[in-house]
């Protein structure tokens, strides 16, 4: 189930429960004071009551919609519960092998909501000096197939102009019902003719993490898996 469908189901369920309780109160009034609703003089009031109840239902729905939206936007725990297997938000670290064959450590943050995912990344060379940065805001997530793909715009102090690129990654996960913990795939700057193999792991659900810690974890991952990701 897609997150937005799951979210709307929760809102509708809460609305239904509250409206049902209101109708229970009205039914008790019908039993306690039947003359209030059955006399011909009150037909207009009965009609207005039905209209009022309909508007009340819409109002209750809007209240729960705004409340649940606020909770999802401001609570990482609730957001994680709603997105479930498609939850990617947080900090990811890893490495890719550049066109020249040198390692590039990468750090990416995934900012996720119902509108989509924004990926902000930066890379560092083998000396852990800044290399480039990129951003992607048109991200496609296929939970069933366990894939993520996106276009990105990369900026580098070594280039006179900015360039675009594409990235494709497969999920590494225990089951289809849980979110991925690792991404394996490649990226390719469109002005270059070579794909760069990459791997990254999630190190935090938060999008803020100290640079030194993130780089250290990226380096440890490289030392563990570099023999499997050479560009030869």
C-alpha atoms as a PDB file:
ATOM      1  CA  UNK A   1       0.000   0.000   0.000  1.00  0.00           C
ATOM      2  CA  UNK A   2       1.337   3.409  -0.974  1.00  0.00           C
ATOM      3  CA  UNK A   3       2.041   5.798   1.930  1.00  0.00           C
ATOM      4  CA  UNK A   4      -0.541   8.364   0.806  1.00  0.00           C
ATOM      5  CA  UNK A   5      -3.218   5.659   0.571  1.00  0.00           C
ATOM      6  CA  UNK A   6      -2.271   4.356   4.020  1.00  0.00           C
ATOM      7  CA  UNK A   7      -2.374   7.905   5.389  1.00  0.00           C
ATOM      8  CA  UNK A   8      -5.818   8.625   3.916  1.00  0.00           C
ATOM      9  CA  UNK A   9      -7.107   5.319   5.267  1.00  0.00           C
ATOM     10  CA  UNK A  10      -6.041   6.318   8.759  1.00  0.00           C
ATOM     11  CA  UNK A  11      -7.710   9.734   8.468  1.00  0.00           C
ATOM     12  CA  UNK A  12     -10.933   8.256   7.104  1.00  0.00           C
ATOM     13  CA  UNK A  13     -10.989   5.597   9.822  1.00  0.00           C
ATOM     14  CA  UNK A  14     -10.610   8.210  12.557  1.00  0.00           C
ATOM     15  CA  UNK A  15     -13.312  10.358  10.962  1.00  0.00           C
ATOM     16  CA  UNK A  16     -15.668   7.381  10.718  1.00  0.00           C
ATOM     17  CA  UNK A  17     -15.185   6.515  14.374  1.00  0.00           C
ATOM     18  CA  UNK A  18     -15.928  10.062  15.554  1.00  0.00           C
ATOM     19  CA  UNK A  19     -18.946  10.517  13.279  1.00  0.00           C
ATOM     20  CA  UNK A  20     -20.278   7.128  14.361  1.00  0.00           C
ATOM     21  CA  UNK A  21     -20.021   8.216  17.993  1.00  0.00           C
ATOM     22  CA  UNK A  22     -21.936  11.398  17.149  1.00  0.00           C
ATOM     23  CA  UNK A  23     -24.674   9.357  15.504  1.00  0.00           C
ATOM     24  CA  UNK A  24     -24.868   7.187  18.611  1.00  0.00           C
ATOM     25  CA  UNK A  25     -25.537  10.322  20.656  1.00  0.00           C
ATOM     26  CA  UNK A  26     -28.239  11.385  18.206  1.00  0.00           C
ATOM     27  CA  UNK A  27     -29.843   7.931  18.304  1.00  0.00           C
ATOM     28  CA  UNK A  28     -30.014   8.133  22.090  1.00  0.00           C
ATOM     29  CA  UNK A  29     -31.770  11.486  21.754  1.00  0.00           C
ATOM     30  CA  UNK A  30     -34.242   9.847  19.398  1.00  0.00           C
ATOM     31  CA  UNK A  31     -35.057   7.263  22.039  1.00  0.00           C
ATOM     32  CA  UNK A  32     -35.103   9.688  24.943  1.00  0.00           C
ATOM     33  CA  UNK A  33     -36.991  12.531  23.247  1.00  0.00           C
ATOM     34  CA  UNK A  34     -38.874  11.074  20.254  1.00  0.00           C
ATOM     35  CA  UNK A  35     -41.244  14.047  20.084  1.00  0.00           C
ATOM     36  CA  UNK A  36     -38.305  16.308  19.235  1.00  0.00           C
ATOM     37  CA  UNK A  37     -37.906  14.568  15.917  1.00  0.00           C
ATOM     38  CA  UNK A  38     -41.339  13.193  14.988  1.00  0.00           C
ATOM     39  CA  UNK A  39     -43.685  16.145  15.248  1.00  0.00           C
ATOM     40  CA  UNK A  40     -44.562  17.773  11.947  1.00  0.00           C
ATOM     41  CA  UNK A  41     -43.557  21.151  13.302  1.00  0.00           C
ATOM     42  CA  UNK A  42     -39.933  20.020  13.472  1.00  0.00           C
ATOM     43  CA  UNK A  43     -39.502  18.734   9.901  1.00  0.00           C
ATOM     44  CA  UNK A  44     -37.488  21.788   8.924  1.00  0.00           C
ATOM     45  CA  UNK A  45     -35.222  21.359  11.932  1.00  0.00           C
ATOM     46  CA  UNK A  46     -34.754  17.674  11.118  1.00  0.00           C
ATOM     47  CA  UNK A  47     -33.739  18.561   7.564  1.00  0.00           C
ATOM     48  CA  UNK A  48     -31.339  21.197   8.783  1.00  0.00           C
ATOM     49  CA  UNK A  49     -29.970  18.667  11.253  1.00  0.00           C
ATOM     50  CA  UNK A  50     -29.073  16.271   8.447  1.00  0.00           C
ATOM     51  CA  UNK A  51     -27.311  19.063   6.552  1.00  0.00           C
ATOM     52  CA  UNK A  52     -25.521  20.145   9.715  1.00  0.00           C
ATOM     53  CA  UNK A  53     -24.358  16.569  10.353  1.00  0.00           C
ATOM     54  CA  UNK A  54     -23.001  16.326   6.803  1.00  0.00           C
ATOM     55  CA  UNK A  55     -21.010  19.530   7.234  1.00  0.00           C
ATOM     56  CA  UNK A  56     -19.880  18.312  10.642  1.00  0.00           C
ATOM     57  CA  UNK A  57     -18.529  15.111   9.037  1.00  0.00           C
ATOM     58  CA  UNK A  58     -16.535  17.185   6.566  1.00  0.00           C
ATOM     59  CA  UNK A  59     -15.281  19.344   9.413  1.00  0.00           C
ATOM     60  CA  UNK A  60     -14.201  16.323  11.443  1.00  0.00           C
ATOM     61  CA  UNK A  61     -12.376  14.950   8.390  1.00  0.00           C
ATOM     62  CA  UNK A  62     -10.545  18.247   7.877  1.00  0.00           C
ATOM     63  CA  UNK A  63      -9.564  18.391  11.539  1.00  0.00           C
ATOM     64  CA  UNK A  64      -8.081  14.895  11.471  1.00  0.00           C
ATOM     65  CA  UNK A  65      -6.455  15.519   8.081  1.00  0.00           C
ATOM     66  CA  UNK A  66      -4.683  18.624   9.374  1.00  0.00           C
ATOM     67  CA  UNK A  67      -3.776  16.945  12.651  1.00  0.00           C
ATOM     68  CA  UNK A  68      -2.372  13.810  11.012  1.00  0.00           C
ATOM     69  CA  UNK A  69      -0.504  15.873   8.411  1.00  0.00           C
ATOM     70  CA  UNK A  70       1.073  17.919  11.186  1.00  0.00           C
ATOM     71  CA  UNK A  71       2.092  14.766  13.062  1.00  0.00           C
ATOM     72  CA  UNK A  72       3.617  13.165   9.962  1.00  0.00           C
ATOM     73  CA  UNK A  73       5.525  16.335   9.108  1.00  0.00           C
ATOM     74  CA  UNK A  74       6.862  16.804  12.631  1.00  0.00           C
ATOM     75  CA  UNK A  75       7.328  13.289  13.988  1.00  0.00           C
ATOM     76  CA  UNK A  76      10.026  11.046  12.545  1.00  0.00           C
ATOM     77  CA  UNK A  77       8.534   8.032  14.334  1.00  0.00           C
ATOM     78  CA  UNK A  78       5.060   8.538  12.813  1.00  0.00           C
ATOM     79  CA  UNK A  79       6.533   9.286   9.386  1.00  0.00           C
ATOM     80  CA  UNK A  80       8.480   6.054   9.556  1.00  0.00           C
ATOM     81  CA  UNK A  81       5.305   4.142  10.476  1.00  0.00           C
ATOM     82  CA  UNK A  82       3.356   5.637   7.573  1.00  0.00           C
ATOM     83  CA  UNK A  83       5.994   5.137   4.877  1.00  0.00           C
ATOM     84  CA  UNK A  84       7.089   1.699   6.150  1.00  0.00           C
ATOM     85  CA  UNK A  85       8.881  -0.213   3.354  1.00  0.00           C
ATOM     86  CA  UNK A  86       9.401   2.951   1.279  1.00  0.00           C
ATOM     87  CA  UNK A  87      10.972   4.890   4.155  1.00  0.00           C
ATOM     88  CA  UNK A  88      14.327   6.204   2.907  1.00  0.00           C
ATOM     89  CA  UNK A  89      14.651   9.391   4.930  1.00  0.00           C
ATOM     90  CA  UNK A  90      17.904   9.868   6.746  1.00  0.00           C
ATOM     91  CA  UNK A  91      21.640   9.900   6.110  1.00  0.00           C
ATOM     92  CA  UNK A  92      23.311   7.474   3.711  1.00  0.00           C
ATOM     93  CA  UNK A  93      27.053   7.066   3.276  1.00  0.00           C
ATOM     94  CA  UNK A  94      29.154   5.073   0.876  1.00  0.00           C
ATOM     95  CA  UNK A  95      31.477   5.400  -2.058  1.00  0.00           C
ATOM     96  CA  UNK A  96      31.671   5.268  -5.820  1.00  0.00           C
ATOM     97  CA  UNK A  97      34.565   4.623  -8.155  1.00  0.00           C
ATOM     98  CA  UNK A  98      35.136   7.688 -10.304  1.00  0.00           C
ATOM     99  CA  UNK A  99      35.782   7.744 -14.036  1.00  0.00           C
ATOM    100  CA  UNK A 100      39.528   7.930 -13.377  1.00  0.00           C
ATOM    101  CA  UNK A 101      39.298   4.849 -11.144  1.00  0.00           C
ATOM    102  CA  UNK A 102      39.786   6.718  -7.885  1.00  0.00           C
ATOM    103  CA  UNK A 103      37.515   6.282  -4.881  1.00  0.00           C
ATOM    104  CA  UNK A 104      35.028   9.003  -4.027  1.00  0.00           C
ATOM    105  CA  UNK A 105      33.369   8.885  -0.613  1.00  0.00           C
ATOM    106  CA  UNK A 106      29.785  10.052  -0.661  1.00  0.00           C
ATOM    107  CA  UNK A 107      27.300  11.353   1.896  1.00  0.00           C
ATOM    108  CA  UNK A 108      23.632  11.742   0.983  1.00  0.00           C
ATOM    109  CA  UNK A 109      20.619  12.971   2.912  1.00  0.00           C
ATOM    110  CA  UNK A 110      17.116  11.890   1.917  1.00  0.00           C
ATOM    111  CA  UNK A 111      14.342  14.332   2.843  1.00  0.00           C
ATOM    112  CA  UNK A 112      10.994  12.554   2.434  1.00  0.00           C
ATOM    113  CA  UNK A 113       7.333  13.546   2.558  1.00  0.00           C
ATOM    114  CA  UNK A 114       4.134  12.859   0.607  1.00  0.00           C
ATOM    115  CA  UNK A 115       5.295  15.139  -2.196  1.00  0.00           C
ATOM    116  CA  UNK A 116       8.353  12.984  -2.831  1.00  0.00           C
ATOM    117  CA  UNK A 117      12.025  12.723  -1.910  1.00  0.00           C
ATOM    118  CA  UNK A 118      14.792  15.288  -2.175  1.00  0.00           C
ATOM    119  CA  UNK A 119      18.326  13.904  -2.229  1.00  0.00           C
ATOM    120  CA  UNK A 120      21.232  16.156  -1.320  1.00  0.00           C
ATOM    121  CA  UNK A 121      24.668  14.649  -1.794  1.00  0.00           C
ATOM    122  CA  UNK A 122      28.315  15.509  -1.566  1.00  0.00           C
ATOM    123  CA  UNK A 123      31.478  13.597  -2.356  1.00  0.00           C
ATOM    124  CA  UNK A 124      35.066  13.649  -1.140  1.00  0.00           C
ATOM    125  CA  UNK A 125      38.251  12.342  -2.694  1.00  0.00           C
ATOM    126  CA  UNK A 126      40.621   9.711  -1.308  1.00  0.00           C
ATOM    127  CA  UNK A 127      42.193  12.378   0.930  1.00  0.00           C
ATOM    128  CA  UNK A 128      38.697  13.214   2.232  1.00  0.00           C
ATOM    129  CA  UNK A 129      38.795  16.655   0.627  1.00  0.00           C
ATOM    130  CA  UNK A 130      35.604  18.067  -0.859  1.00  0.00           C
ATOM    131  CA  UNK A 131      35.030  16.963  -4.447  1.00  0.00           C
ATOM    132  CA  UNK A 132      31.474  17.780  -5.609  1.00  0.00           C
ATOM    133  CA  UNK A 133      27.868  18.192  -4.573  1.00  0.00           C
ATOM    134  CA  UNK A 134      24.541  17.296  -6.191  1.00  0.00           C
ATOM    135  CA  UNK A 135      20.795  17.488  -5.676  1.00  0.00           C
ATOM    136  CA  UNK A 136      17.873  15.437  -6.992  1.00  0.00           C
ATOM    137  CA  UNK A 137      14.214  16.343  -6.570  1.00  0.00           C
ATOM    138  CA  UNK A 138      12.628  14.066  -9.186  1.00  0.00           C
ATOM    139  CA  UNK A 139      13.070  10.710  -7.488  1.00  0.00           C
ATOM    140  CA  UNK A 140      11.233   7.560  -8.561  1.00  0.00           C
ATOM    141  CA  UNK A 141      10.849   4.797  -5.947  1.00  0.00           C
ATOM    142  CA  UNK A 142       9.567   1.363  -6.973  1.00  0.00           C
ATOM    143  CA  UNK A 143       9.007  -0.487  -3.708  1.00  0.00           C
ATOM    144  CA  UNK A 144       7.710  -3.678  -5.310  1.00  0.00           C
ATOM    145  CA  UNK A 145      10.757  -4.082  -7.540  1.00  0.00           C
ATOM    146  CA  UNK A 146      13.105  -2.618  -4.950  1.00  0.00           C
ATOM    147  CA  UNK A 147      14.557   0.115  -7.136  1.00  0.00           C
ATOM    148  CA  UNK A 148      15.204   3.839  -6.994  1.00  0.00           C
ATOM    149  CA  UNK A 149      16.149   6.091  -9.896  1.00  0.00           C
ATOM    150  CA  UNK A 150      16.545   9.829 -10.329  1.00  0.00           C
ATOM    151  CA  UNK A 151      18.079  12.661 -12.304  1.00  0.00           C
ATOM    152  CA  UNK A 152      20.464  14.918 -10.465  1.00  0.00           C
ATOM    153  CA  UNK A 153      22.317  18.166 -10.977  1.00  0.00           C
ATOM    154  CA  UNK A 154      25.964  18.091  -9.956  1.00  0.00           C
ATOM    155  CA  UNK A 155      28.219  21.013  -9.108  1.00  0.00           C
ATOM    156  CA  UNK A 156      31.968  20.790  -8.801  1.00  0.00           C
ATOM    157  CA  UNK A 157      34.641  23.426  -8.111  1.00  0.00           C
ATOM    158  CA  UNK A 158      36.776  21.693 -10.757  1.00  0.00           C
ATOM    159  CA  UNK A 159      34.229  22.246 -13.546  1.00  0.00           C
ATOM    160  CA  UNK A 160      33.453  25.532 -15.291  1.00  0.00           C
ATOM    161  CA  UNK A 161      29.743  24.622 -15.638  1.00  0.00           C
ATOM    162  CA  UNK A 162      27.201  22.433 -13.860  1.00  0.00           C
ATOM    163  CA  UNK A 163      26.143  19.080 -15.287  1.00  0.00           C
ATOM    164  CA  UNK A 164      23.219  16.674 -15.052  1.00  0.00           C
ATOM    165  CA  UNK A 165      23.311  12.970 -14.393  1.00  0.00           C
ATOM    166  CA  UNK A 166      21.227   9.872 -13.770  1.00  0.00           C
ATOM    167  CA  UNK A 167      21.396   7.256 -11.037  1.00  0.00           C
ATOM    168  CA  UNK A 168      19.908   3.779 -10.672  1.00  0.00           C
ATOM    169  CA  UNK A 169      20.065   1.748  -7.472  1.00  0.00           C
ATOM    170  CA  UNK A 170      18.685  -1.558  -6.235  1.00  0.00           C
ATOM    171  CA  UNK A 171      17.454  -2.044  -2.690  1.00  0.00           C
ATOM    172  CA  UNK A 172      19.179  -4.392  -0.296  1.00  0.00           C
ATOM    173  CA  UNK A 173      16.565  -5.384   2.308  1.00  0.00           C
ATOM    174  CA  UNK A 174      15.569  -8.315   4.457  1.00  0.00           C
ATOM    175  CA  UNK A 175      12.037  -8.586   3.036  1.00  0.00           C
ATOM    176  CA  UNK A 176       9.777  -6.532   0.766  1.00  0.00           C
ATOM    177  CA  UNK A 177       7.889  -5.364   3.862  1.00  0.00           C
ATOM    178  CA  UNK A 178      10.827  -3.502   5.393  1.00  0.00           C
ATOM    179  CA  UNK A 179      12.736  -0.457   4.230  1.00  0.00           C
ATOM    180  CA  UNK A 180      16.122  -0.929   2.533  1.00  0.00           C
ATOM    181  CA  UNK A 181      19.325  -0.661   4.520  1.00  0.00           C
ATOM    182  CA  UNK A 182      21.688  -0.589   1.533  1.00  0.00           C
ATOM    183  CA  UNK A 183      21.652   0.713  -2.052  1.00  0.00           C
ATOM    184  CA  UNK A 184      23.779  -0.759  -4.842  1.00  0.00           C
ATOM    185  CA  UNK A 185      23.932   0.597  -8.377  1.00  0.00           C
ATOM    186  CA  UNK A 186      25.576   3.256 -10.451  1.00  0.00           C
ATOM    187  CA  UNK A 187      25.472   6.895 -11.444  1.00  0.00           C
ATOM    188  CA  UNK A 188      26.524   8.604 -14.644  1.00  0.00           C
ATOM    189  CA  UNK A 189      27.154  12.264 -15.390  1.00  0.00           C
ATOM    190  CA  UNK A 190      25.648  12.868 -18.817  1.00  0.00           C
ATOM    191  CA  UNK A 191      28.710  14.729 -20.119  1.00  0.00           C
ATOM    192  CA  UNK A 192      30.853  11.682 -19.389  1.00  0.00           C
ATOM    193  CA  UNK A 193      30.715   8.317 -21.145  1.00  0.00           C
ATOM    194  CA  UNK A 194      31.244   6.017 -18.198  1.00  0.00           C
ATOM    195  CA  UNK A 195      29.020   4.702 -15.436  1.00  0.00           C
ATOM    196  CA  UNK A 196      30.373   4.864 -11.886  1.00  0.00           C
ATOM    197  CA  UNK A 197      29.585   1.918  -9.644  1.00  0.00           C
ATOM    198  CA  UNK A 198      28.410   2.853  -6.169  1.00  0.00           C
ATOM    199  CA  UNK A 199      27.219   1.410  -2.895  1.00  0.00           C
ATOM    200  CA  UNK A 200      25.837   3.143   0.168  1.00  0.00           C
ATOM    201  CA  UNK A 201      24.298   2.217   3.486  1.00  0.00           C
ATOM    202  CA  UNK A 202      21.931   4.001   5.788  1.00  0.00           C
ATOM    203  CA  UNK A 203      23.566   5.149   9.007  1.00  0.00           C
ATOM    204  CA  UNK A 204      20.813   7.283  10.540  1.00  0.00           C
ATOM    205  CA  UNK A 205      17.130   8.161  10.229  1.00  0.00           C
ATOM    206  CA  UNK A 206      18.166  11.751  10.916  1.00  0.00           C
ATOM    207  CA  UNK A 207      19.385  14.051   8.164  1.00  0.00           C
ATOM    208  CA  UNK A 208      21.953  15.700  10.410  1.00  0.00           C
ATOM    209  CA  UNK A 209      25.126  13.852  11.294  1.00  0.00           C
ATOM    210  CA  UNK A 210      28.661  15.061  11.937  1.00  0.00           C
ATOM    211  CA  UNK A 211      30.773  15.116   8.793  1.00  0.00           C
ATOM    212  CA  UNK A 212      33.694  13.351  10.490  1.00  0.00           C
ATOM    213  CA  UNK A 213      31.493  10.455  11.588  1.00  0.00           C
ATOM    214  CA  UNK A 214      29.848  10.127   8.169  1.00  0.00           C
ATOM    215  CA  UNK A 215      33.189  10.110   6.365  1.00  0.00           C
ATOM    216  CA  UNK A 216      34.579   7.516   8.737  1.00  0.00           C
ATOM    217  CA  UNK A 217      31.635   5.200   8.104  1.00  0.00           C
ATOM    218  CA  UNK A 218      31.974   5.719   4.347  1.00  0.00           C
ATOM    219  CA  UNK A 219      35.654   4.835   4.552  1.00  0.00           C
ATOM    220  CA  UNK A 220      34.907   1.701   6.585  1.00  0.00           C
ATOM    221  CA  UNK A 221      32.377   0.593   3.973  1.00  0.00           C
ATOM    222  CA  UNK A 222      34.942   1.127   1.218  1.00  0.00           C
ATOM    223  CA  UNK A 223      37.540  -0.951   3.056  1.00  0.00           C
ATOM    224  CA  UNK A 224      34.976  -3.744   3.376  1.00  0.00           C
ATOM    225  CA  UNK A 225      33.620  -3.798  -0.176  1.00  0.00           C
ATOM    226  CA  UNK A 226      36.092  -2.042  -2.484  1.00  0.00           C
ATOM    227  CA  UNK A 227      37.238  -5.275  -4.170  1.00  0.00           C
ATOM    228  CA  UNK A 228      33.718  -5.821  -5.505  1.00  0.00           C
ATOM    229  CA  UNK A 229      33.275  -2.345  -6.991  1.00  0.00           C
ATOM    230  CA  UNK A 230      36.297  -1.589  -9.114  1.00  0.00           C
ATOM    231  CA  UNK A 231      35.642  -0.060 -12.538  1.00  0.00           C
ATOM    232  CA  UNK A 232      37.791  -2.561 -14.374  1.00  0.00           C
END
